[in-house]
Amino acid sequence: MKELIGSPGTVSGLTLRVTQCAFAAASIALMVSASGFSTYTAFCYLIASMGLQLLWSFGLACLDVYALRGKRDLQNPVLVSLFVVGDWVTAMLSLAAACSSAGIIVLYARDLDFCKAQSHIPCRQFEISIILAFITWLLIAMSSHVMFWILASF
């Protein structure tokens, strides 16, 4: 079987999972450190979604480390189908959370000029957190695409 970039149990797969963890953690850290985030449901959903993404990616990164250290093959149909389902679920949740949060910040920053009128609201911090969430989604979409093609090749 041809090895794809980002396959489970490979260095590229580990790198992909670690970067997913890093961007999800950065998104959470920026959002939590912004004052008043908890008054917006979409931002709370973003934190919950990125938290789930962080846990999922960290678990698979640990599994990749285990496979690399023990020279084990993680590419069997049962494991890969579990990875596909998990990646697709977390990808959909991450995309929904990032889009809903982006909708709120576009409404406040661009349409209503709420961020200019209320200077105590850290809109720039919200924006950066949302950008990091979209990058996290892009990375999980890449890994779910790879997992789907691995599953299709069985």
Protein backbone atom coordinates (compact mmCIF):
# COMPACT_ATOMS: atom_id res chain seq x y z
CA MET A 1 0.00 0.00 0.00
CA LYS A 2 1.23 3.46 -0.88
CA GLU A 3 2.01 5.56 2.19
CA LEU A 4 0.28 8.93 2.21
CA ILE A 5 1.55 12.03 3.95
CA GLY A 6 -0.21 12.23 7.31
CA SER A 7 -0.87 8.50 7.62
CA PRO A 8 -1.25 7.16 11.16
CA GLY A 9 1.91 5.78 12.69
CA THR A 10 4.25 7.96 10.60
CA VAL A 11 6.34 11.00 11.41
CA SER A 12 4.21 13.14 9.08
CA GLY A 13 1.06 11.91 10.83
CA LEU A 14 2.56 12.77 14.20
CA THR A 15 3.54 16.22 12.93
CA LEU A 16 0.03 16.82 11.62
CA ARG A 17 -1.54 15.82 14.95
CA VAL A 18 0.88 17.91 17.00
CA THR A 19 0.19 20.99 14.88
CA GLN A 20 -3.55 20.39 15.27
CA CYS A 21 -3.05 20.31 19.04
CA ALA A 22 -0.93 23.46 18.98
CA PHE A 23 -3.38 25.54 16.94
CA ALA A 24 -6.39 24.32 18.93
CA ALA A 25 -4.62 25.13 22.20
CA ALA A 26 -3.61 28.56 20.93
CA SER A 27 -7.19 29.27 19.85
CA ILE A 28 -8.49 28.25 23.27
CA ALA A 29 -5.83 30.26 25.11
CA LEU A 30 -6.53 33.44 23.16
CA MET A 31 -10.28 33.15 23.52
CA VAL A 32 -10.16 32.37 27.25
CA SER A 33 -7.74 35.22 27.94
CA ALA A 34 -10.10 37.72 26.26
CA SER A 35 -12.41 39.42 28.70
CA GLY A 36 -16.12 38.89 28.17
CA PHE A 37 -15.92 35.89 25.85
CA SER A 38 -18.36 33.90 27.98
CA THR A 39 -21.24 36.24 27.20
CA TYR A 40 -21.29 34.98 23.59
CA THR A 41 -22.58 31.46 23.03
CA ALA A 42 -20.67 31.03 19.76
CA PHE A 43 -17.37 31.74 21.51
CA CYS A 44 -18.16 29.21 24.23
CA TYR A 45 -18.99 26.69 21.51
CA LEU A 46 -15.65 27.47 19.85
CA ILE A 47 -13.82 26.70 23.10
CA ALA A 48 -15.74 23.44 23.55
CA SER A 49 -15.09 22.40 19.96
CA MET A 50 -11.39 23.27 20.10
CA GLY A 51 -11.15 21.44 23.44
CA LEU A 52 -12.57 18.30 21.85
CA GLN A 53 -10.21 18.75 18.90
CA LEU A 54 -7.28 19.13 21.27
CA LEU A 55 -8.14 15.93 23.12
CA TRP A 56 -8.74 13.96 19.91
CA SER A 57 -5.52 15.13 18.25
CA PHE A 58 -3.48 14.62 21.42
CA GLY A 59 -4.79 11.07 21.76
CA LEU A 60 -3.90 10.25 18.16
CA ALA A 61 -0.50 11.91 18.54
CA CYS A 62 0.18 9.64 21.53
CA LEU A 63 -0.91 6.68 19.43
CA ASP A 64 1.47 7.78 16.67
CA VAL A 65 4.34 8.01 19.17
CA TYR A 66 3.49 4.52 20.41
CA ALA A 67 3.46 3.17 16.85
CA LEU A 68 6.72 4.89 15.92
CA ARG A 69 8.55 3.72 19.04
CA GLY A 70 7.30 0.15 18.77
CA LYS A 71 7.48 -0.07 14.96
CA ARG A 72 3.80 -0.98 14.83
CA ASP A 73 1.47 -0.59 11.87
CA LEU A 74 -1.71 1.38 12.59
CA GLN A 75 -3.18 0.90 9.14
CA ASN A 76 -5.79 -1.78 9.64
CA PRO A 77 -9.42 -1.31 8.59
CA VAL A 78 -10.90 -1.13 12.10
CA LEU A 79 -8.50 1.54 13.38
CA VAL A 80 -8.63 3.58 10.20
CA SER A 81 -12.44 3.56 10.16
CA LEU A 82 -12.38 4.82 13.77
CA PHE A 83 -9.93 7.56 12.74
CA VAL A 84 -12.15 8.52 9.78
CA VAL A 85 -15.27 8.87 11.92
CA GLY A 86 -13.45 10.77 14.67
CA ASP A 87 -11.74 13.10 12.22
CA TRP A 88 -14.94 13.83 10.34
CA VAL A 89 -16.92 14.51 13.52
CA THR A 90 -14.29 16.84 14.96
CA ALA A 91 -13.83 18.52 11.57
CA MET A 92 -17.55 19.29 11.29
CA LEU A 93 -17.72 20.56 14.86
CA SER A 94 -14.63 22.71 14.37
CA LEU A 95 -15.94 24.20 11.14
CA ALA A 96 -19.34 24.96 12.66
CA ALA A 97 -17.76 26.59 15.70
CA ALA A 98 -15.32 28.67 13.66
CA CYS A 99 -18.04 29.82 11.25
CA SER A 100 -20.50 30.76 13.98
CA SER A 101 -17.81 32.68 15.86
CA ALA A 102 -16.70 34.39 12.66
CA GLY A 103 -20.30 35.40 12.01
CA ILE A 104 -20.53 37.06 15.42
CA ILE A 105 -17.27 38.94 15.04
CA VAL A 106 -18.13 40.10 11.50
CA LEU A 107 -21.46 41.39 12.76
CA TYR A 108 -19.87 43.26 15.65
CA ALA A 109 -16.67 44.48 14.01
CA ARG A 110 -17.80 45.24 10.47
CA ASP A 111 -21.57 45.62 10.33
CA LEU A 112 -22.42 47.32 13.63
CA ASP A 113 -19.05 48.92 14.40
CA PHE A 114 -19.60 47.63 17.91
CA CYS A 115 -15.89 47.09 18.45
CA LYS A 116 -15.10 50.76 17.79
CA ALA A 117 -17.89 52.00 20.02
CA GLN A 118 -17.09 49.56 22.84
CA SER A 119 -13.31 49.75 23.02
CA HIS A 120 -13.13 47.52 26.11
CA ILE A 121 -14.20 44.48 24.04
CA PRO A 122 -11.08 42.65 22.72
CA CYS A 123 -12.34 42.11 19.17
CA ARG A 124 -8.84 41.69 17.73
CA GLN A 125 -8.17 38.88 20.18
CA PHE A 126 -11.45 37.21 19.20
CA GLU A 127 -10.49 37.52 15.52
CA ILE A 128 -7.08 35.92 16.02
CA SER A 129 -8.61 33.07 18.01
CA ILE A 130 -11.11 32.45 15.21
CA ILE A 131 -8.36 32.50 12.59
CA LEU A 132 -6.47 29.87 14.61
CA ALA A 133 -9.66 27.80 14.79
CA PHE A 134 -9.98 27.93 11.00
CA ILE A 135 -6.35 26.81 10.64
CA THR A 136 -7.09 23.96 13.04
CA TRP A 137 -10.07 23.00 10.90
CA LEU A 138 -7.91 23.08 7.76
CA LEU A 139 -5.42 20.71 9.40
CA ILE A 140 -8.12 18.30 10.59
CA ALA A 141 -9.72 18.41 7.13
CA MET A 142 -6.38 17.37 5.65
CA SER A 143 -6.02 14.44 8.04
CA SER A 144 -9.63 13.33 7.55
CA HIS A 145 -9.09 13.40 3.79
CA VAL A 146 -5.98 11.24 4.15
CA MET A 147 -7.79 8.80 6.45
CA PHE A 148 -10.67 8.53 4.01
CA TRP A 149 -8.33 7.62 1.15
CA ILE A 150 -6.50 5.08 3.30
CA LEU A 151 -9.84 3.50 4.24
CA ALA A 152 -10.89 3.46 0.57
CA SER A 153 -7.67 1.65 -0.38
CA PHE A 154 -8.45 -1.39 1.80
